[in-house]
Amino acid sequence: MSKEIKILIVEDDENLRFLVAHRLQSENYQILETGDGETAEKLIMSEKPDIVLLDWMLPGKQGSEICEKVRSLGFDKLIIMMTAKAQDVDKIDAYNFGASDYVTKPFNMDVLVAMLESKVKFLQNADKPEVHKFGEMEHHPNIHTLFSKGKKIELTILENRILLYFLRNPGKVINRDELMLVVWGYNSDVNTRTLDMHIVRLRKKIEVNPDNPQLLQTVRGVGYKFNI
């Protein structure tokens, strides 16, 4: 059965593009593909794919430029950046050019498929988008945004992923390794210090007193847990 979901793969490595296209076709997605930035922009605007898998580094044009351009032209569907290094994720400032999420290369195909499945589930329930409420806050993960008493607080892609994972697992003690896998992905080469730094930043956005966190608490020697 066709999922009726159209995915554009923008990747200049022909072997990788073939592998991803082949796998996603076997999962019944409709696939468009190109290795060229100019063509990608035209295809995005003419075909309006539901999801764009967009390589961060393309010859002649960065993925971020393409993303920014099509966003400025009104394209509002999901754009998932494919990046070679986990460290580069910090440079993917979703707000500056509108990426929805990212995946790091080399990725495990099953991980990619699982990620797309979860995105598609929310696309198909788009009339009731995922929203999490805690305290006086509301988290809208699809737009990387928190609302606190009506005030808008923007989140980076990483902060968004961290917070979403906690909100989907309230009260559960989550160890650092599990969190790093979820946030930075398979084959991640980040360290726990980087994770802790993002937790500190996130606390500044959600805690009344970030130095004495009531929501996102440290569990000494293990990791963190979120109290709603």
Protein backbone atom coordinates (compact mmCIF):
# COMPACT_ATOMS: atom_id res chain seq x y z
CA MET A 1 0.00 0.00 0.00
CA SER A 2 1.41 3.40 -0.95
CA LYS A 3 1.90 5.80 1.93
CA GLU A 4 1.23 8.66 -0.52
CA ILE A 5 4.21 10.45 1.02
CA LYS A 6 6.61 12.07 -1.41
CA ILE A 7 10.27 12.34 -0.37
CA LEU A 8 12.95 14.27 -2.28
CA ILE A 9 16.52 13.06 -1.71
CA VAL A 10 19.16 15.74 -2.39
CA GLU A 11 22.57 14.06 -2.18
CA ASP A 12 25.58 14.35 -4.51
CA ASP A 13 27.06 10.97 -3.50
CA GLU A 14 25.42 8.73 -6.11
CA ASN A 15 25.96 5.50 -4.19
CA LEU A 16 24.40 6.84 -1.02
CA ARG A 17 21.54 8.41 -2.95
CA PHE A 18 20.84 5.09 -4.70
CA LEU A 19 20.88 3.18 -1.40
CA VAL A 20 18.54 5.62 0.36
CA ALA A 21 16.19 5.83 -2.64
CA HIS A 22 16.10 2.06 -3.00
CA ARG A 23 15.34 1.48 0.67
CA LEU A 24 12.66 4.17 0.88
CA GLN A 25 10.97 2.89 -2.30
CA SER A 26 10.83 -0.55 -0.68
CA GLU A 27 9.01 1.15 2.23
CA ASN A 28 6.44 2.45 -0.32
CA TYR A 29 7.46 6.09 -0.31
CA GLN A 30 7.29 8.05 -3.56
CA ILE A 31 10.84 9.12 -4.30
CA LEU A 32 12.35 12.03 -6.22
CA GLU A 33 16.12 12.51 -6.29
CA THR A 34 18.86 14.86 -7.41
CA GLY A 35 22.53 15.55 -6.64
CA ASP A 36 22.39 19.18 -7.63
CA GLY A 37 21.34 22.22 -5.59
CA GLU A 38 19.80 24.27 -8.41
CA THR A 39 17.66 21.33 -9.54
CA ALA A 40 16.73 20.65 -5.90
CA GLU A 41 15.29 24.17 -5.49
CA LYS A 42 13.19 23.81 -8.64
CA LEU A 43 11.95 20.34 -7.66
CA ILE A 44 11.01 21.45 -4.15
CA MET A 45 8.94 24.33 -5.47
CA SER A 46 7.31 22.44 -8.36
CA GLU A 47 6.75 19.03 -6.71
CA LYS A 48 6.11 20.18 -3.12
CA PRO A 49 7.46 16.98 -1.50
CA ASP A 50 6.22 16.13 2.02
CA ILE A 51 9.79 15.57 3.23
CA VAL A 52 13.13 16.76 1.82
CA LEU A 53 16.28 14.85 2.82
CA LEU A 54 18.87 17.52 2.14
CA ASP A 55 22.64 17.07 2.20
CA TRP A 56 24.41 19.75 4.25
CA MET A 57 27.42 19.90 1.89
CA LEU A 58 26.57 20.08 -1.82
CA PRO A 59 28.91 21.17 -4.63
CA GLY A 60 28.45 24.85 -5.37
CA LYS A 61 25.72 25.35 -2.80
CA GLN A 62 25.23 24.52 0.86
CA GLY A 63 22.11 22.75 1.99
CA SER A 64 21.44 25.67 4.32
CA GLU A 65 21.24 28.07 1.33
CA ILE A 66 18.72 25.84 -0.43
CA CYS A 67 16.71 25.51 2.75
CA GLU A 68 16.68 29.26 3.34
CA LYS A 69 15.71 29.96 -0.28
CA VAL A 70 12.74 27.56 -0.45
CA ARG A 71 11.53 28.70 2.99
CA SER A 72 11.58 32.30 1.74
CA LEU A 73 9.48 31.16 -1.23
CA GLY A 74 6.88 29.70 1.12
CA PHE A 75 7.80 25.97 1.24
CA ASP A 76 6.59 24.80 4.66
CA LYS A 77 7.02 21.02 4.64
CA LEU A 78 9.66 19.02 6.54
CA ILE A 79 13.32 19.54 5.62
CA ILE A 80 15.73 17.08 7.24
CA MET A 81 19.41 17.94 6.90
CA MET A 82 21.91 15.11 6.34
CA THR A 83 25.23 16.05 7.91
CA ALA A 84 28.54 14.18 8.06
CA LYS A 85 29.59 15.12 11.58
CA ALA A 86 27.63 15.23 14.80
CA GLN A 87 29.54 18.38 15.78
CA ASP A 88 28.17 20.18 12.71
CA VAL A 89 24.69 19.89 14.14
CA ASP A 90 25.33 22.92 16.33
CA LYS A 91 25.92 24.92 13.15
CA ILE A 92 22.51 23.87 11.86
CA ASP A 93 20.62 26.71 13.44
CA ALA A 94 17.09 25.76 12.52
CA TYR A 95 15.86 29.28 13.02
CA ASN A 96 18.33 30.90 10.71
CA PHE A 97 17.33 28.89 7.71
CA GLY A 98 14.44 26.66 8.62
CA ALA A 99 15.64 23.04 8.91
CA SER A 100 13.10 20.83 10.70
CA ASP A 101 15.53 18.18 11.93
CA TYR A 102 18.73 16.40 10.96
CA VAL A 103 20.35 12.98 10.65
CA THR A 104 24.12 12.31 10.86
CA LYS A 105 26.02 10.29 8.25
CA PRO A 106 26.85 7.49 7.98
CA PHE A 107 23.38 6.53 9.16
CA ASN A 108 21.91 3.15 9.76
CA MET A 109 19.07 2.72 7.21
CA ASP A 110 16.78 1.25 9.87
CA VAL A 111 17.36 4.33 12.02
CA LEU A 112 16.54 6.62 9.07
CA VAL A 113 13.38 4.66 8.25
CA ALA A 114 12.25 4.72 11.89
CA MET A 115 12.81 8.47 12.05
CA LEU A 116 10.80 9.02 8.85
CA GLU A 117 8.02 6.72 10.11
CA SER A 118 7.64 8.84 13.24
CA LYS A 119 7.58 12.04 11.15
CA VAL A 120 4.99 10.57 8.79
CA LYS A 121 2.78 9.56 11.70
CA PHE A 122 2.63 13.20 12.76
CA LEU A 123 2.18 14.41 9.17
CA GLN A 124 -0.84 12.14 8.83
CA ASN A 125 -2.27 13.50 12.08
CA ALA A 126 -1.44 17.07 11.13
CA ASP A 127 -4.90 18.26 12.15
CA LYS A 128 -3.89 17.42 15.75
CA PRO A 129 -0.21 18.37 16.05
CA GLU A 130 1.83 17.11 18.98
CA VAL A 131 1.78 19.57 21.88
CA HIS A 132 3.11 18.95 25.40
CA LYS A 133 2.01 21.04 28.38
CA PHE A 134 3.97 21.33 31.61
CA GLY A 135 3.70 24.00 34.28
CA GLU A 136 2.79 27.21 32.51
CA MET A 137 4.52 26.08 29.33
CA GLU A 138 3.55 24.48 26.07
CA HIS A 139 6.06 22.73 23.80
CA HIS A 140 5.31 22.61 20.06
CA PRO A 141 8.07 20.28 18.76
CA ASN A 142 7.20 20.63 15.08
CA ILE A 143 8.07 24.32 15.17
CA HIS A 144 10.90 24.05 17.80
CA THR A 145 8.99 26.44 20.03
CA LEU A 146 8.01 26.84 23.67
CA PHE A 147 5.22 29.13 24.77
CA SER A 148 5.44 30.44 28.32
CA LYS A 149 2.37 32.43 29.38
CA GLY A 150 1.89 33.26 25.70
CA LYS A 151 5.50 34.36 25.24
CA LYS A 152 7.42 32.56 22.49
CA ILE A 153 10.78 30.93 23.28
CA GLU A 154 12.70 29.48 20.35
CA LEU A 155 14.62 26.21 20.73
CA THR A 156 17.54 24.92 18.69
CA ILE A 157 17.15 21.54 16.94
CA LEU A 158 19.15 19.88 19.72
CA GLU A 159 17.25 21.53 22.59
CA ASN A 160 14.03 20.57 20.82
CA ARG A 161 15.08 16.91 20.59
CA ILE A 162 16.25 16.79 24.21
CA LEU A 163 13.08 18.37 25.59
CA LEU A 164 10.81 16.23 23.40
CA TYR A 165 12.47 13.02 24.60
CA PHE A 166 12.01 14.04 28.25
CA LEU A 167 8.38 15.04 27.67
CA ARG A 168 7.65 11.70 26.02
CA ASN A 169 9.28 9.93 29.01
CA PRO A 170 8.14 11.92 32.07
CA GLY A 171 9.52 10.82 35.42
CA LYS A 172 11.83 8.23 33.84
CA VAL A 173 15.53 8.33 34.75
CA ILE A 174 17.35 8.60 31.41
CA ASN A 175 21.05 7.85 31.32
CA ARG A 176 23.43 10.05 29.39
CA ASP A 177 24.31 7.43 26.75
CA GLU A 178 20.65 6.86 25.86
CA LEU A 179 20.07 10.60 25.61
CA MET A 180 23.14 11.13 23.41
CA LEU A 181 22.02 8.36 21.08
CA VAL A 182 18.53 9.86 20.77
CA VAL A 183 19.73 13.42 20.32
CA TRP A 184 22.87 13.12 18.20
CA GLY A 185 22.06 9.78 16.62
CA TYR A 186 23.71 6.57 15.67
CA ASN A 187 27.55 6.73 15.42
CA SER A 188 27.65 9.90 17.44
CA ASP A 189 31.09 11.20 18.39
CA VAL A 190 29.97 13.78 20.95
CA ASN A 191 30.94 13.60 24.60
CA THR A 192 28.94 13.92 27.79
CA ARG A 193 30.30 17.44 28.40
CA THR A 194 28.57 18.60 25.20
CA LEU A 195 25.31 17.04 26.38
CA ASP A 196 25.58 18.68 29.81
CA MET A 197 26.19 22.04 28.14
CA HIS A 198 22.94 21.70 26.15
CA ILE A 199 21.06 20.71 29.31
CA VAL A 200 22.32 23.91 30.99
CA ARG A 201 21.09 25.99 28.02
CA LEU A 202 17.73 24.25 28.02
CA ARG A 203 17.29 24.83 31.76
CA LYS A 204 17.75 28.57 31.19
CA LYS A 205 14.69 28.44 28.92
CA ILE A 206 12.38 26.26 31.02
CA GLU A 207 13.31 26.64 34.70
CA VAL A 208 12.15 29.40 37.05
CA ASN A 209 15.59 29.15 38.70
CA PRO A 210 18.06 27.31 36.41
CA ASP A 211 20.57 26.98 39.30
CA ASN A 212 18.00 25.01 41.29
CA PRO A 213 16.15 23.04 38.58
CA GLN A 214 12.74 21.64 39.52
CA LEU A 215 11.79 20.20 36.13
CA LEU A 216 14.95 18.86 34.49
CA GLN A 217 16.80 17.26 37.37
CA THR A 218 20.23 15.64 37.48
CA VAL A 219 20.34 12.08 38.78
CA ARG A 220 23.87 11.86 40.15
CA GLY A 221 26.08 9.30 38.40
CA VAL A 222 23.33 8.25 35.98
CA GLY A 223 21.79 11.02 33.94
CA TYR A 224 18.63 13.10 34.13
CA LYS A 225 14.91 12.93 34.70
CA PHE A 226 12.04 15.27 33.92
CA ASN A 227 9.34 16.05 36.49
CA ILE A 228 6.08 17.30 35.09
